[in-house]
Structure formats: structure tokens, C-alpha cells
Protein backbone atom coordinates (compact mmCIF):
# COMPACT_ATOMS: atom_id res chain seq x y z
CA UNK A 1 89.34 90.53 95.74
CA UNK A 2 92.80 91.24 94.04
CA UNK A 3 94.39 88.23 95.36
CA UNK A 4 98.01 90.24 96.36
CA UNK A 5 100.11 86.81 96.77
CA UNK A 6 98.54 85.28 93.57
CA UNK A 7 99.58 88.11 91.92
CA UNK A 8 103.21 88.29 93.64
CA UNK A 9 104.23 84.68 92.76
CA UNK A 10 102.95 85.37 89.49
CA UNK A 11 105.33 88.75 88.60
CA UNK A 12 108.33 86.37 90.09
CA UNK A 13 107.44 82.81 88.17
CA UNK A 14 106.65 84.77 84.77
CA UNK A 15 109.26 86.96 82.99
CA UNK A 16 108.28 90.02 80.33
CA UNK A 17 111.47 88.67 78.77
CA UNK A 18 110.32 85.07 78.09
CA UNK A 19 107.45 85.80 76.88
CA UNK A 20 108.40 88.65 74.75
CA UNK A 21 111.29 85.41 73.32
CA UNK A 22 107.81 83.53 72.81
CA UNK A 23 106.11 86.38 70.76
CA UNK A 24 109.34 86.66 68.53
CA UNK A 25 110.02 90.18 70.37
CA UNK A 26 113.46 91.06 69.64
CA UNK A 27 115.85 92.55 72.17
CA UNK A 28 117.07 95.81 70.74
CA UNK A 29 120.47 96.70 73.18
CA UNK A 30 121.12 95.63 77.10
CA UNK A 31 122.56 95.83 80.52
CA UNK A 32 122.66 94.62 83.70
CA UNK A 33 120.39 96.85 84.91
CA UNK A 34 117.57 96.63 81.91
CA UNK A 35 116.63 95.64 78.24
CA UNK A 36 115.47 98.01 75.49
CA UNK A 37 113.16 96.72 73.01
CA UNK A 38 110.95 98.35 70.03
CA UNK A 39 107.87 98.77 71.89
CA UNK A 40 105.35 96.28 71.00
CA UNK A 41 102.64 98.53 71.85
CA UNK A 42 102.75 100.96 69.67
CA UNK A 43 103.90 102.10 66.41
CA UNK A 44 107.80 103.61 66.79
CA UNK A 45 111.04 103.72 64.54
CA UNK A 46 113.75 104.11 68.20
CA UNK A 47 113.50 102.05 70.90
CA UNK A 48 111.20 103.20 73.80
CA UNK A 49 110.41 100.30 75.03
CA UNK A 50 112.81 100.07 78.93
CA UNK A 51 112.03 96.49 80.54
CA UNK A 52 113.34 96.55 84.35
CA UNK A 53 114.20 94.26 86.77
CA UNK A 54 112.48 95.58 89.84
CA UNK A 55 113.06 93.15 93.15
CA UNK A 56 112.05 89.59 92.41
CA UNK A 57 110.84 90.55 89.31
CA UNK A 58 110.62 92.33 85.32
CA UNK A 59 108.66 95.58 85.19
CA UNK A 60 108.71 97.89 81.86
CA UNK A 61 107.90 101.57 80.69
CA UNK A 62 108.08 102.98 77.41
CA UNK A 63 109.05 106.58 77.54
CA UNK A 64 106.96 106.61 73.52
CA UNK A 65 103.63 105.61 74.38
CA UNK A 66 104.35 105.73 78.10
CA UNK A 67 102.79 103.21 79.25
CA UNK A 68 104.17 101.19 82.41
CA UNK A 69 102.93 97.68 83.59
CA UNK A 70 104.20 93.89 84.75
CA UNK A 71 103.96 90.64 83.37
CA UNK A 72 100.11 90.63 83.84
CA UNK A 73 99.18 93.99 82.16
CA UNK A 74 101.39 93.67 78.61
CA UNK A 75 100.25 90.02 78.57
CA UNK A 76 96.69 91.26 79.02
CA UNK A 77 97.71 93.40 76.45
CA UNK A 78 99.11 92.15 73.78
CA UNK A 79 96.75 88.73 74.30
CA UNK A 80 93.35 91.34 74.17
CA UNK A 81 92.48 89.65 77.36
CA UNK A 82 91.15 91.80 79.76
CA UNK A 83 93.45 91.76 83.20
CA UNK A 84 91.67 89.08 85.89
CA UNK A 85 91.66 86.51 82.52
CA UNK A 86 95.56 87.46 82.35
CA UNK A 87 95.79 86.72 85.74
CA UNK A 88 94.06 83.17 85.80
CA UNK A 89 95.73 82.27 82.67
CA UNK A 90 99.55 83.02 84.27
CA UNK A 91 98.37 82.02 87.65
CA UNK A 92 97.25 78.82 86.93
CA UNK A 93 99.01 75.95 89.24
CA UNK A 94 99.76 78.18 91.36
CA UNK A 95 98.80 77.70 95.04
CA UNK A 96 98.62 80.58 96.90
CA UNK A 97 97.58 79.92 101.44
CA UNK A 98 95.97 82.13 103.42
CA UNK A 99 98.37 82.86 105.34
CA UNK A 100 100.24 83.91 102.39
CA UNK A 101 97.47 86.56 101.30
CA UNK A 102 96.88 87.36 104.61
CA UNK A 103 101.06 88.64 104.79
CA UNK A 104 101.80 90.59 100.84
CA UNK A 105 98.08 92.40 102.50
CA UNK A 106 99.20 93.24 105.47
CA UNK A 107 102.68 94.51 104.26
CA UNK A 108 101.05 96.68 101.45
CA UNK A 109 98.77 97.93 103.74
CA UNK A 110 101.47 99.42 105.76
CA UNK A 111 103.65 100.67 102.42
CA UNK A 112 100.21 102.84 101.34
CA UNK A 113 99.79 103.65 104.57
CA UNK A 114 103.07 105.49 104.70
CA UNK A 115 103.10 106.85 101.60
CA UNK A 116 100.27 109.65 100.62
CA UNK A 117 100.17 108.36 97.39
CA UNK A 118 99.11 105.82 97.60
CA UNK A 119 97.33 106.33 101.04
CA UNK A 120 93.92 106.10 99.37
CA UNK A 121 94.43 101.78 98.00
CA UNK A 122 94.50 100.92 102.27
CA UNK A 123 90.51 101.27 102.59
CA UNK A 124 90.08 98.79 100.33
CA UNK A 125 93.12 96.54 101.11
CA UNK A 126 91.51 96.76 105.06
CA UNK A 127 88.64 95.05 103.61
CA UNK A 128 90.30 92.09 101.91
CA UNK A 129 92.51 91.60 105.57
CA UNK A 130 88.91 91.40 107.10
CA UNK A 131 87.81 89.53 104.94
CA UNK A 132 90.78 87.09 104.88
CA UNK A 133 90.85 86.88 108.15
CA UNK A 134 87.06 85.71 108.77
CA UNK A 135 88.19 82.83 105.65
CA UNK A 136 90.67 81.39 108.54
CA UNK A 137 88.30 81.55 111.10
CA UNK A 138 85.59 80.45 108.77
CA UNK A 139 88.06 76.63 108.37
CA UNK A 140 88.76 77.02 111.63
CA UNK A 141 85.25 76.39 113.01
CA UNK A 142 84.60 73.64 110.27
CA UNK A 143 87.53 72.08 111.26
CA UNK A 144 87.17 71.88 115.15
CA UNK A 145 82.77 71.07 114.20
CA UNK A 146 82.30 74.68 115.86
CA UNK A 147 83.68 74.01 119.10
CA UNK A 148 82.30 76.83 121.46
CA UNK A 149 86.16 77.19 123.10
CA UNK A 150 86.65 77.92 119.48
CA UNK A 151 84.54 80.40 118.96
CA UNK A 152 85.12 82.38 122.13
CA UNK A 153 88.63 82.42 120.60
CA UNK A 154 87.64 83.94 117.26
CA UNK A 155 85.49 86.49 118.95
CA UNK A 156 88.35 87.34 121.57
CA UNK A 157 90.89 87.14 118.32
CA UNK A 158 88.97 89.43 115.37
CA UNK A 159 87.88 92.01 118.72
CA UNK A 160 91.83 92.61 119.01
CA UNK A 161 91.78 93.15 115.78
CA UNK A 162 89.13 95.32 114.86
CA UNK A 163 90.48 97.19 117.09
CA UNK A 164 93.97 97.41 115.40
CA UNK A 165 92.58 98.46 111.98
CA UNK A 166 89.96 100.95 113.49
CA UNK A 167 92.92 102.61 114.96
CA UNK A 168 95.43 101.81 112.28
CA UNK A 169 97.40 100.43 114.40
CA UNK A 170 99.08 98.44 111.87
CA UNK A 171 102.08 97.50 114.16
CA UNK A 172 100.31 95.99 116.17
CA UNK A 173 98.03 94.37 114.02
CA UNK A 174 101.09 93.40 112.07
CA UNK A 175 102.19 91.67 115.90
CA UNK A 176 99.52 89.83 116.06
CA UNK A 177 99.82 88.05 112.80
CA UNK A 178 102.94 87.09 113.10
CA UNK A 179 101.87 85.45 116.41
CA UNK A 180 98.96 83.63 114.72
CA UNK A 181 100.88 82.62 111.72
CA UNK A 182 104.27 81.78 113.18
CA UNK A 183 103.48 80.53 115.86
CA UNK A 184 100.14 78.35 114.68
CA UNK A 185 98.41 79.10 116.80
CA UNK A 186 94.81 78.93 114.65
CA UNK A 187 96.84 75.41 113.54
CA UNK A 188 97.62 74.63 117.26
CA UNK A 189 93.42 75.44 118.20
CA UNK A 190 92.43 73.08 115.36
CA UNK A 191 94.56 70.51 116.75
CA UNK A 192 93.91 70.10 120.48
CA UNK A 193 90.13 70.80 119.30
CA UNK A 194 89.92 67.80 117.40
CA UNK A 195 91.94 65.94 119.51
CA UNK A 196 89.55 66.48 122.29
CA UNK A 197 86.59 65.42 119.85
CA UNK A 198 88.40 62.80 119.04
CA UNK A 199 88.72 61.72 122.84
CA UNK A 200 84.78 61.56 123.33
CA UNK A 201 84.19 59.52 120.40
CA UNK A 202 86.42 56.92 121.74
CA UNK A 203 85.28 56.72 125.02
CA UNK A 204 81.33 57.11 123.83
CA UNK A 205 82.48 53.87 121.35
CA UNK A 206 84.10 52.61 124.85
CA UNK A 207 80.66 53.43 126.55
CA UNK A 208 78.74 51.84 124.24
CA UNK A 209 80.94 48.49 124.13
CA UNK A 210 80.54 48.11 127.61
CA UNK A 211 77.08 48.58 127.52
CA UNK A 212 76.68 45.55 125.00
CA UNK A 213 78.81 43.31 127.17
CA UNK A 214 76.79 44.09 129.40
CA UNK A 215 73.13 43.52 127.79
CA UNK A 216 72.24 47.15 128.43
CA UNK A 217 69.93 49.65 126.61
CA UNK A 218 72.38 52.42 124.68
């Protein structure tokens, strides 16, 4: 499963230009928009490797070998590592919450559905989205000891989410997501049920003490 939030954070934290410095790859020329290098991926006389600032992170394109990508792809190629291993190495120490991952998936699905070229990616992303919601649900169930009220609550939430996904109603899906995350709906449900469980335990202990004082069998 692709962890979009982790990849996004790796791109923000690790600059290709800094990585090149550690590799001894020298800058040929620099402007406010781009940095030019001799391509480290193929032998060339005329520098054609361009490093661009793309929003919060750097990406590259070589006009010679026509290769393009981000810090993960260039690192994996120069270090001879599999792409997943590069993510594991560069992502070491980066903590991503399920909420952050959900946010990235939803935004990427919306982007892909609105762009014909990348629309085919949306199907896989929808599967990731469903799985992420399931992970959140599992956490809620574990924290509330599989409370029946929580089970009913989650069934209602997932029924709505599945309906939005089936209809490709991503506006409603995003609104539901925002309600869950921004209003801390899952967290509030956990807190509510945990308080109820705690009160029940207190009542049990209180009753136990009373029975012991009265000499009654439990």
C-alpha cells in the first residue's frame, strides 16, 4: 500500500540539492527557478540535468536521458536501492498519522478524478482510502473494547463513505472526512465510551466494597 503522506513528507524534508552536495555532484549554474547539473545518471558533456523547485519540494528532469522524478527516485537510482527501500531509508524517523494519510489520499483521488491522464490511478487510491478508514475504525474498536454503540456508529459511518465512493461523490466524501478529523469525531467517541467503561468499573468496585463490608457473597 502506498503511503502518500510519508512520501510527501520525505519530499519536503530531503532536498535533492543537499543530497547531491553529499555525493560531490557540483552545481553548473543556478537561477531562482532552477539548478543545472551534469546528469549523474548518464555520461554527458553538456549539462542537461535540471533541478526545479516544485511547491514544497525539489524535482528533476534530464533533457539528455529524459529521466525525471523526486528525491526518492534519484536516491534509489544512485544508491542502487529498490524504490521501497529508498522510502524506508529516507522516511526513517518520520511519523505519519492515519489522519494525515487519509487527507493525502482524498486530495490525490480528487486530483486524479479531475485529470483524464491520471484518472486510472483513482481506483487503486480508492482501495487505499477504504483501507485507511478501516484502520481508523479498528483503532476505535480496540480503544472502546468493541462497544456495541461504537460498532453501530462505525457501520453508519462506513455505509455513508462506501456510498460516496460508489457514486464518486468526492465533495461529500471530503466533507465527511473533515467532520471526522476536524471535529475529532472518532476521538470524541473513544473518550465518551472510555468514560462510560471507567464509570462502570468504578461502580463494580464500589459494589464490591459494599458487599465485602456487609459480608455478602459476590
